[in-house]
Amino acid sequence: MALAGLLVGLAQSVIAGTIPQDSADRLAWWQTYWAHRRERSRLSTPPDSRPPA
């Protein structure tokens, strides 16, 4: 049980250290993240099944 609590605390500190805490920085981080995901999704879709742009 103590190990689970330690792992949860460690995961929270890693997440807090990765994602900016300032509101404007956090917004920019999420916008970049979602743009990257859209681009990866678009590039991984085979050309014949891509929807028209």
N, C-alpha and C. Protein backbone atom coordinates (compact mmCIF):
# COMPACT_ATOMS: atom_id res chain seq x y z
N MET A 1 0.83 -1.19 0.00
CA MET A 1 0.00 0.00 0.00
C MET A 1 0.87 1.26 0.00
N ALA A 2 1.93 1.23 0.77
CA ALA A 2 2.83 2.38 0.82
C ALA A 2 3.52 2.57 -0.53
N LEU A 3 3.82 1.47 -1.20
CA LEU A 3 4.46 1.55 -2.51
C LEU A 3 3.52 2.21 -3.53
N ALA A 4 2.24 1.89 -3.46
CA ALA A 4 1.26 2.51 -4.36
C ALA A 4 1.20 4.02 -4.12
N GLY A 5 1.21 4.44 -2.87
CA GLY A 5 1.20 5.86 -2.55
C GLY A 5 2.45 6.56 -3.05
N LEU A 6 3.58 5.89 -2.93
CA LEU A 6 4.84 6.45 -3.42
C LEU A 6 4.81 6.60 -4.93
N LEU A 7 4.29 5.60 -5.62
CA LEU A 7 4.20 5.66 -7.09
C LEU A 7 3.26 6.76 -7.56
N VAL A 8 2.15 6.94 -6.87
CA VAL A 8 1.20 8.00 -7.22
C VAL A 8 1.85 9.37 -7.01
N GLY A 9 2.54 9.54 -5.90
CA GLY A 9 3.23 10.81 -5.64
C GLY A 9 4.31 11.09 -6.67
N LEU A 10 5.04 10.06 -7.06
CA LEU A 10 6.07 10.21 -8.08
C LEU A 10 5.46 10.58 -9.43
N ALA A 11 4.37 9.92 -9.79
CA ALA A 11 3.70 10.22 -11.07
C ALA A 11 3.19 11.66 -11.07
N GLN A 12 2.62 12.12 -9.97
CA GLN A 12 2.13 13.49 -9.90
C GLN A 12 3.25 14.51 -10.04
N SER A 13 4.39 14.24 -9.43
CA SER A 13 5.49 15.19 -9.53
C SER A 13 6.08 15.21 -10.93
N VAL A 14 6.10 14.07 -11.62
CA VAL A 14 6.60 14.04 -12.99
C VAL A 14 5.65 14.81 -13.90
N ILE A 15 4.36 14.61 -13.73
CA ILE A 15 3.38 15.32 -14.55
C ILE A 15 3.44 16.82 -14.28
N ALA A 16 3.53 17.21 -13.02
CA ALA A 16 3.60 18.63 -12.68
C ALA A 16 4.87 19.26 -13.22
N GLY A 17 5.94 18.51 -13.29
CA GLY A 17 7.19 19.04 -13.82
C GLY A 17 7.20 19.11 -15.33
N THR A 18 6.37 18.33 -15.99
CA THR A 18 6.34 18.28 -17.45
C THR A 18 5.41 19.33 -18.04
N ILE A 19 4.25 19.50 -17.45
CA ILE A 19 3.25 20.44 -17.97
C ILE A 19 3.41 21.77 -17.24
N PRO A 20 3.55 22.86 -17.98
CA PRO A 20 3.71 24.18 -17.34
C PRO A 20 2.54 24.53 -16.43
N GLN A 21 2.82 25.29 -15.39
CA GLN A 21 1.78 25.66 -14.43
C GLN A 21 1.18 27.03 -14.70
N ASP A 22 1.86 27.90 -15.43
CA ASP A 22 1.32 29.22 -15.78
C ASP A 22 0.24 29.03 -16.84
N SER A 23 -0.86 29.73 -16.71
CA SER A 23 -2.01 29.53 -17.58
C SER A 23 -1.68 29.71 -19.07
N ALA A 24 -0.98 30.77 -19.42
CA ALA A 24 -0.65 31.02 -20.83
C ALA A 24 0.30 29.95 -21.36
N ASP A 25 1.26 29.56 -20.54
CA ASP A 25 2.19 28.51 -20.96
C ASP A 25 1.48 27.17 -21.11
N ARG A 26 0.56 26.90 -20.21
CA ARG A 26 -0.19 25.64 -20.27
C ARG A 26 -1.03 25.59 -21.54
N LEU A 27 -1.67 26.71 -21.89
CA LEU A 27 -2.47 26.77 -23.11
C LEU A 27 -1.60 26.51 -24.33
N ALA A 28 -0.45 27.14 -24.40
CA ALA A 28 0.47 26.95 -25.52
C ALA A 28 0.94 25.50 -25.59
N TRP A 29 1.21 24.90 -24.43
CA TRP A 29 1.65 23.50 -24.39
C TRP A 29 0.58 22.58 -24.97
N TRP A 30 -0.68 22.77 -24.55
CA TRP A 30 -1.76 21.92 -25.05
C TRP A 30 -2.00 22.15 -26.54
N GLN A 31 -1.93 23.39 -26.99
CA GLN A 31 -2.13 23.66 -28.42
C GLN A 31 -1.05 22.98 -29.25
N THR A 32 0.18 23.03 -28.80
CA THR A 32 1.27 22.35 -29.50
C THR A 32 1.07 20.84 -29.48
N TYR A 33 0.67 20.33 -28.33
CA TYR A 33 0.43 18.88 -28.19
C TYR A 33 -0.64 18.40 -29.17
N TRP A 34 -1.77 19.09 -29.22
CA TRP A 34 -2.86 18.66 -30.11
C TRP A 34 -2.51 18.86 -31.58
N ALA A 35 -1.77 19.90 -31.91
CA ALA A 35 -1.33 20.09 -33.29
C ALA A 35 -0.41 18.95 -33.71
N HIS A 36 0.48 18.56 -32.81
CA HIS A 36 1.39 17.44 -33.09
C HIS A 36 0.61 16.14 -33.29
N ARG A 37 -0.39 15.90 -32.44
CA ARG A 37 -1.20 14.69 -32.57
C ARG A 37 -1.96 14.68 -33.90
N ARG A 38 -2.53 15.83 -34.29
CA ARG A 38 -3.24 15.90 -35.57
C ARG A 38 -2.30 15.60 -36.73
N GLU A 39 -1.10 16.17 -36.68
CA GLU A 39 -0.12 15.96 -37.75
C GLU A 39 0.30 14.50 -37.82
N ARG A 40 0.55 13.89 -36.67
CA ARG A 40 0.93 12.47 -36.66
C ARG A 40 -0.20 11.61 -37.20
N SER A 41 -1.42 11.94 -36.83
CA SER A 41 -2.58 11.17 -37.29
C SER A 41 -2.72 11.31 -38.80
N ARG A 42 -2.54 12.52 -39.30
CA ARG A 42 -2.67 12.77 -40.73
C ARG A 42 -1.59 12.03 -41.50
N LEU A 43 -0.36 12.02 -40.99
CA LEU A 43 0.74 11.37 -41.68
C LEU A 43 0.67 9.85 -41.62
N SER A 44 0.04 9.31 -40.57
CA SER A 44 -0.02 7.86 -40.44
C SER A 44 -1.19 7.25 -41.21
N THR A 45 -2.11 8.08 -41.72
CA THR A 45 -3.24 7.58 -42.49
C THR A 45 -2.78 7.32 -43.93
N PRO A 46 -3.05 6.12 -44.45
CA PRO A 46 -2.65 5.85 -45.83
C PRO A 46 -3.27 6.85 -46.81
N PRO A 47 -2.55 7.25 -47.86
CA PRO A 47 -3.02 8.30 -48.77
C PRO A 47 -4.39 7.99 -49.40
N ASP A 48 -4.68 6.73 -49.69
CA ASP A 48 -5.95 6.43 -50.36
C ASP A 48 -7.15 6.53 -49.42
N SER A 49 -6.95 6.55 -48.12
CA SER A 49 -8.09 6.65 -47.20
C SER A 49 -8.16 7.99 -46.49
N ARG A 50 -7.31 8.95 -46.86
CA ARG A 50 -7.38 10.29 -46.26
C ARG A 50 -8.62 11.04 -46.75
N PRO A 51 -9.26 11.74 -45.86
CA PRO A 51 -10.39 12.56 -46.32
C PRO A 51 -9.87 13.77 -47.11
N PRO A 52 -10.67 14.31 -48.00
CA PRO A 52 -10.21 15.48 -48.74
C PRO A 52 -9.97 16.67 -47.82
N ALA A 53 -8.98 17.46 -48.14
CA ALA A 53 -8.59 18.58 -47.27
C ALA A 53 -9.53 19.72 -47.34
